[in-house]
Amino acid sequence: MRKSRVRRLACAVALALGAAFLSPGIQSAAAAADPYQVLVFSKTAGFRHDS
């Protein structure tokens, strides 16, 4: 029973590593899209500090 558990764990680790190495290839198409710029504006109303 212990060998079966170890074998199952080894298979799960191998599948996880395989998925981790294959997923960057899938995401590279999304990274090749046109880059965009974002402007973030924040304003405070009446806050003053001592500096």
PDB file of N, CA and C in Angstrom:
ATOM      1  N   MET A   1       0.827  -1.192   0.000  1.00  0.00           N
ATOM      2  CA  MET A   1       0.000   0.000   0.000  1.00  0.00           C
ATOM      3  C   MET A   1       0.873   1.258   0.000  1.00  0.00           C
ATOM      4  N   ARG A   2       1.998   1.237   0.693  1.00  0.00           N
ATOM      5  CA  ARG A   2       2.866   2.402   0.745  1.00  0.00           C
ATOM      6  C   ARG A   2       3.496   2.688  -0.618  1.00  0.00           C
ATOM      7  N   LYS A   3       3.877   1.636  -1.356  1.00  0.00           N
ATOM      8  CA  LYS A   3       4.457   1.839  -2.683  1.00  0.00           C
ATOM      9  C   LYS A   3       3.433   2.453  -3.624  1.00  0.00           C
ATOM     10  N   SER A   4       2.183   2.061  -3.470  1.00  0.00           N
ATOM     11  CA  SER A   4       1.127   2.612  -4.308  1.00  0.00           C
ATOM     12  C   SER A   4       0.958   4.111  -4.049  1.00  0.00           C
ATOM     13  N   ARG A   5       1.037   4.503  -2.788  1.00  0.00           N
ATOM     14  CA  ARG A   5       0.896   5.914  -2.431  1.00  0.00           C
ATOM     15  C   ARG A   5       2.068   6.723  -2.971  1.00  0.00           C
ATOM     16  N   VAL A   6       3.265   6.181  -2.879  1.00  0.00           N
ATOM     17  CA  VAL A   6       4.455   6.862  -3.388  1.00  0.00           C
ATOM     18  C   VAL A   6       4.378   6.981  -4.905  1.00  0.00           C
ATOM     19  N   ARG A   7       3.927   5.931  -5.563  1.00  0.00           N
ATOM     20  CA  ARG A   7       3.803   5.960  -7.020  1.00  0.00           C
ATOM     21  C   ARG A   7       2.768   6.998  -7.454  1.00  0.00           C
ATOM     22  N   ARG A   8       1.652   7.079  -6.723  1.00  0.00           N
ATOM     23  CA  ARG A   8       0.627   8.077  -7.044  1.00  0.00           C
ATOM     24  C   ARG A   8       1.157   9.490  -6.843  1.00  0.00           C
ATOM     25  N   LEU A   9       1.911   9.699  -5.785  1.00  0.00           N
ATOM     26  CA  LEU A   9       2.502  11.008  -5.526  1.00  0.00           C
ATOM     27  C   LEU A   9       3.507  11.381  -6.614  1.00  0.00           C
ATOM     28  N   ALA A  10       4.309  10.426  -7.042  1.00  0.00           N
ATOM     29  CA  ALA A  10       5.287  10.683  -8.102  1.00  0.00           C
ATOM     30  C   ALA A  10       4.588  11.039  -9.410  1.00  0.00           C
ATOM     31  N   CYS A  11       3.495  10.360  -9.723  1.00  0.00           N
ATOM     32  CA  CYS A  11       2.735  10.679 -10.937  1.00  0.00           C
ATOM     33  C   CYS A  11       2.118  12.071 -10.851  1.00  0.00           C
ATOM     34  N   ALA A  12       1.598  12.429  -9.691  1.00  0.00           N
ATOM     35  CA  ALA A  12       1.000  13.751  -9.518  1.00  0.00           C
ATOM     36  C   ALA A  12       2.049  14.848  -9.673  1.00  0.00           C
ATOM     37  N   VAL A  13       3.235  14.633  -9.121  1.00  0.00           N
ATOM     38  CA  VAL A  13       4.313  15.618  -9.245  1.00  0.00           C
ATOM     39  C   VAL A  13       4.757  15.735 -10.699  1.00  0.00           C
ATOM     40  N   ALA A  14       4.856  14.610 -11.394  1.00  0.00           N
ATOM     41  CA  ALA A  14       5.262  14.633 -12.799  1.00  0.00           C
ATOM     42  C   ALA A  14       4.231  15.368 -13.648  1.00  0.00           C
ATOM     43  N   LEU A  15       2.953  15.148 -13.383  1.00  0.00           N
ATOM     44  CA  LEU A  15       1.908  15.855 -14.128  1.00  0.00           C
ATOM     45  C   LEU A  15       1.937  17.350 -13.839  1.00  0.00           C
ATOM     46  N   ALA A  16       2.159  17.722 -12.597  1.00  0.00           N
ATOM     47  CA  ALA A  16       2.215  19.137 -12.241  1.00  0.00           C
ATOM     48  C   ALA A  16       3.404  19.827 -12.907  1.00  0.00           C
ATOM     49  N   LEU A  17       4.553  19.166 -12.915  1.00  0.00           N
ATOM     50  CA  LEU A  17       5.725  19.750 -13.577  1.00  0.00           C
ATOM     51  C   LEU A  17       5.521  19.849 -15.081  1.00  0.00           C
ATOM     52  N   GLY A  18       4.916  18.844 -15.674  1.00  0.00           N
ATOM     53  CA  GLY A  18       4.630  18.887 -17.104  1.00  0.00           C
ATOM     54  C   GLY A  18       3.694  20.024 -17.454  1.00  0.00           C
ATOM     55  N   ALA A  19       2.668  20.222 -16.651  1.00  0.00           N
ATOM     56  CA  ALA A  19       1.734  21.321 -16.889  1.00  0.00           C
ATOM     57  C   ALA A  19       2.415  22.670 -16.700  1.00  0.00           C
ATOM     58  N   ALA A  20       3.319  22.764 -15.746  1.00  0.00           N
ATOM     59  CA  ALA A  20       4.018  24.025 -15.502  1.00  0.00           C
ATOM     60  C   ALA A  20       4.936  24.390 -16.663  1.00  0.00           C
ATOM     61  N   PHE A  21       5.550  23.390 -17.292  1.00  0.00           N
ATOM     62  CA  PHE A  21       6.446  23.676 -18.412  1.00  0.00           C
ATOM     63  C   PHE A  21       5.689  23.905 -19.711  1.00  0.00           C
ATOM     64  N   LEU A  22       4.490  23.376 -19.844  1.00  0.00           N
ATOM     65  CA  LEU A  22       3.724  23.564 -21.069  1.00  0.00           C
ATOM     66  C   LEU A  22       2.915  24.850 -21.066  1.00  0.00           C
ATOM     67  N   SER A  23       2.525  25.348 -19.921  1.00  0.00           N
ATOM     68  CA  SER A  23       1.668  26.526 -19.873  1.00  0.00           C
ATOM     69  C   SER A  23       2.333  27.813 -20.363  1.00  0.00           C
ATOM     70  N   PRO A  24       3.644  28.070 -20.219  1.00  0.00           N
ATOM     71  CA  PRO A  24       4.210  29.294 -20.796  1.00  0.00           C
ATOM     72  C   PRO A  24       4.078  29.349 -22.318  1.00  0.00           C
ATOM     73  N   GLY A  25       4.111  28.229 -22.986  1.00  0.00           N
ATOM     74  CA  GLY A  25       3.933  28.211 -24.433  1.00  0.00           C
ATOM     75  C   GLY A  25       2.533  28.615 -24.839  1.00  0.00           C
ATOM     76  N   ILE A  26       1.570  28.273 -24.040  1.00  0.00           N
ATOM     77  CA  ILE A  26       0.182  28.633 -24.322  1.00  0.00           C
ATOM     78  C   ILE A  26      -0.029  30.119 -24.075  1.00  0.00           C
ATOM     79  N   GLN A  27       0.581  30.664 -23.050  1.00  0.00           N
ATOM     80  CA  GLN A  27       0.384  32.057 -22.694  1.00  0.00           C
ATOM     81  C   GLN A  27       1.196  33.015 -23.556  1.00  0.00           C
ATOM     82  N   SER A  28       2.143  32.524 -24.327  1.00  0.00           N
ATOM     83  CA  SER A  28       2.981  33.424 -25.112  1.00  0.00           C
ATOM     84  C   SER A  28       2.190  34.130 -26.203  1.00  0.00           C
ATOM     85  N   ALA A  29       1.107  33.537 -26.696  1.00  0.00           N
ATOM     86  CA  ALA A  29       0.277  34.195 -27.700  1.00  0.00           C
ATOM     87  C   ALA A  29      -0.394  35.429 -27.106  1.00  0.00           C
ATOM     88  N   ALA A  30      -0.819  35.356 -25.864  1.00  0.00           N
ATOM     89  CA  ALA A  30      -1.436  36.507 -25.217  1.00  0.00           C
ATOM     90  C   ALA A  30      -0.400  37.595 -24.952  1.00  0.00           C
ATOM     91  N   ALA A  31       0.817  37.222 -24.665  1.00  0.00           N
ATOM     92  CA  ALA A  31       1.866  38.199 -24.401  1.00  0.00           C
ATOM     93  C   ALA A  31       2.295  38.915 -25.678  1.00  0.00           C
ATOM     94  N   ALA A  32       2.061  38.306 -26.826  1.00  0.00           N
ATOM     95  CA  ALA A  32       2.445  38.909 -28.092  1.00  0.00           C
ATOM     96  C   ALA A  32       1.448  39.972 -28.549  1.00  0.00           C
ATOM     97  N   ALA A  33       0.354  40.149 -27.838  1.00  0.00           N
ATOM     98  CA  ALA A  33      -0.648  41.156 -28.196  1.00  0.00           C
ATOM     99  C   ALA A  33      -0.046  42.551 -28.041  1.00  0.00           C
ATOM    100  N   ASP A  34      -0.697  43.545 -28.633  1.00  0.00           N
ATOM    101  CA  ASP A  34      -0.212  44.919 -28.577  1.00  0.00           C
ATOM    102  C   ASP A  34      -0.146  45.407 -27.129  1.00  0.00           C
ATOM    103  N   PRO A  35       0.971  46.018 -26.744  1.00  0.00           N
ATOM    104  CA  PRO A  35       1.058  46.559 -25.388  1.00  0.00           C
ATOM    105  C   PRO A  35       0.186  47.807 -25.263  1.00  0.00           C
ATOM    106  N   TYR A  36      -0.247  48.092 -24.077  1.00  0.00           N
ATOM    107  CA  TYR A  36      -1.065  49.271 -23.863  1.00  0.00           C
ATOM    108  C   TYR A  36      -0.530  50.040 -22.671  1.00  0.00           C
ATOM    109  N   GLN A  37      -0.895  51.291 -22.589  1.00  0.00           N
ATOM    110  CA  GLN A  37      -0.448  52.139 -21.493  1.00  0.00           C
ATOM    111  C   GLN A  37      -1.653  52.510 -20.639  1.00  0.00           C
ATOM    112  N   VAL A  38      -1.409  52.650 -19.350  1.00  0.00           N
ATOM    113  CA  VAL A  38      -2.470  52.995 -18.413  1.00  0.00           C
ATOM    114  C   VAL A  38      -2.024  54.210 -17.619  1.00  0.00           C
ATOM    115  N   LEU A  39      -2.893  55.192 -17.509  1.00  0.00           N
ATOM    116  CA  LEU A  39      -2.634  56.367 -16.693  1.00  0.00           C
ATOM    117  C   LEU A  39      -3.519  56.276 -15.459  1.00  0.00           C
ATOM    118  N   VAL A  40      -2.900  56.306 -14.286  1.00  0.00           N
ATOM    119  CA  VAL A  40      -3.653  56.245 -13.035  1.00  0.00           C
ATOM    120  C   VAL A  40      -3.599  57.626 -12.402  1.00  0.00           C
ATOM    121  N   PHE A  41      -4.759  58.189 -12.104  1.00  0.00           N
ATOM    122  CA  PHE A  41      -4.853  59.516 -11.500  1.00  0.00           C
ATOM    123  C   PHE A  41      -5.616  59.389 -10.191  1.00  0.00           C
ATOM    124  N   SER A  42      -5.059  59.938  -9.141  1.00  0.00           N
ATOM    125  CA  SER A  42      -5.779  59.965  -7.861  1.00  0.00           C
ATOM    126  C   SER A  42      -5.666  61.371  -7.289  1.00  0.00           C
ATOM    127  N   LYS A  43      -6.725  61.828  -6.688  1.00  0.00           N
ATOM    128  CA  LYS A  43      -6.772  63.182  -6.159  1.00  0.00           C
ATOM    129  C   LYS A  43      -7.308  63.120  -4.730  1.00  0.00           C
ATOM    130  N   THR A  44      -6.718  63.933  -3.858  1.00  0.00           N
ATOM    131  CA  THR A  44      -7.237  64.023  -2.500  1.00  0.00           C
ATOM    132  C   THR A  44      -7.990  65.331  -2.360  1.00  0.00           C
ATOM    133  N   ALA A  45      -8.989  65.321  -1.533  1.00  0.00           N
ATOM    134  CA  ALA A  45      -9.814  66.521  -1.347  1.00  0.00           C
ATOM    135  C   ALA A  45      -9.488  67.158   0.002  1.00  0.00           C
ATOM    136  N   GLY A  46      -8.649  68.195  -0.011  1.00  0.00           N
ATOM    137  CA  GLY A  46      -8.396  68.966   1.194  1.00  0.00           C
ATOM    138  C   GLY A  46      -7.424  68.354   2.189  1.00  0.00           C
ATOM    139  N   PHE A  47      -6.685  67.335   1.833  1.00  0.00           N
ATOM    140  CA  PHE A  47      -5.729  66.740   2.777  1.00  0.00           C
ATOM    141  C   PHE A  47      -4.434  67.527   2.734  1.00  0.00           C
ATOM    142  N   ARG A  48      -3.979  67.962   3.879  1.00  0.00           N
ATOM    143  CA  ARG A  48      -2.717  68.689   3.978  1.00  0.00           C
ATOM    144  C   ARG A  48      -1.855  68.009   5.030  1.00  0.00           C
ATOM    145  N   HIS A  49      -0.565  67.940   4.775  1.00  0.00           N
ATOM    146  CA  HIS A  49       0.342  67.349   5.753  1.00  0.00           C
ATOM    147  C   HIS A  49       1.416  68.355   6.129  1.00  0.00           C
ATOM    148  N   ASP A  50       2.191  68.040   7.161  1.00  0.00           N
ATOM    149  CA  ASP A  50       3.139  68.988   7.757  1.00  0.00           C
ATOM    150  C   ASP A  50       4.487  69.074   7.060  1.00  0.00           C
ATOM    151  N   SER A  51       4.739  68.372   6.030  1.00  0.00           N
ATOM    152  CA  SER A  51       6.085  68.367   5.460  1.00  0.00           C
ATOM    153  C   SER A  51       6.396  69.538   4.630  1.00  0.00           C
TER     154      SER A  51
END
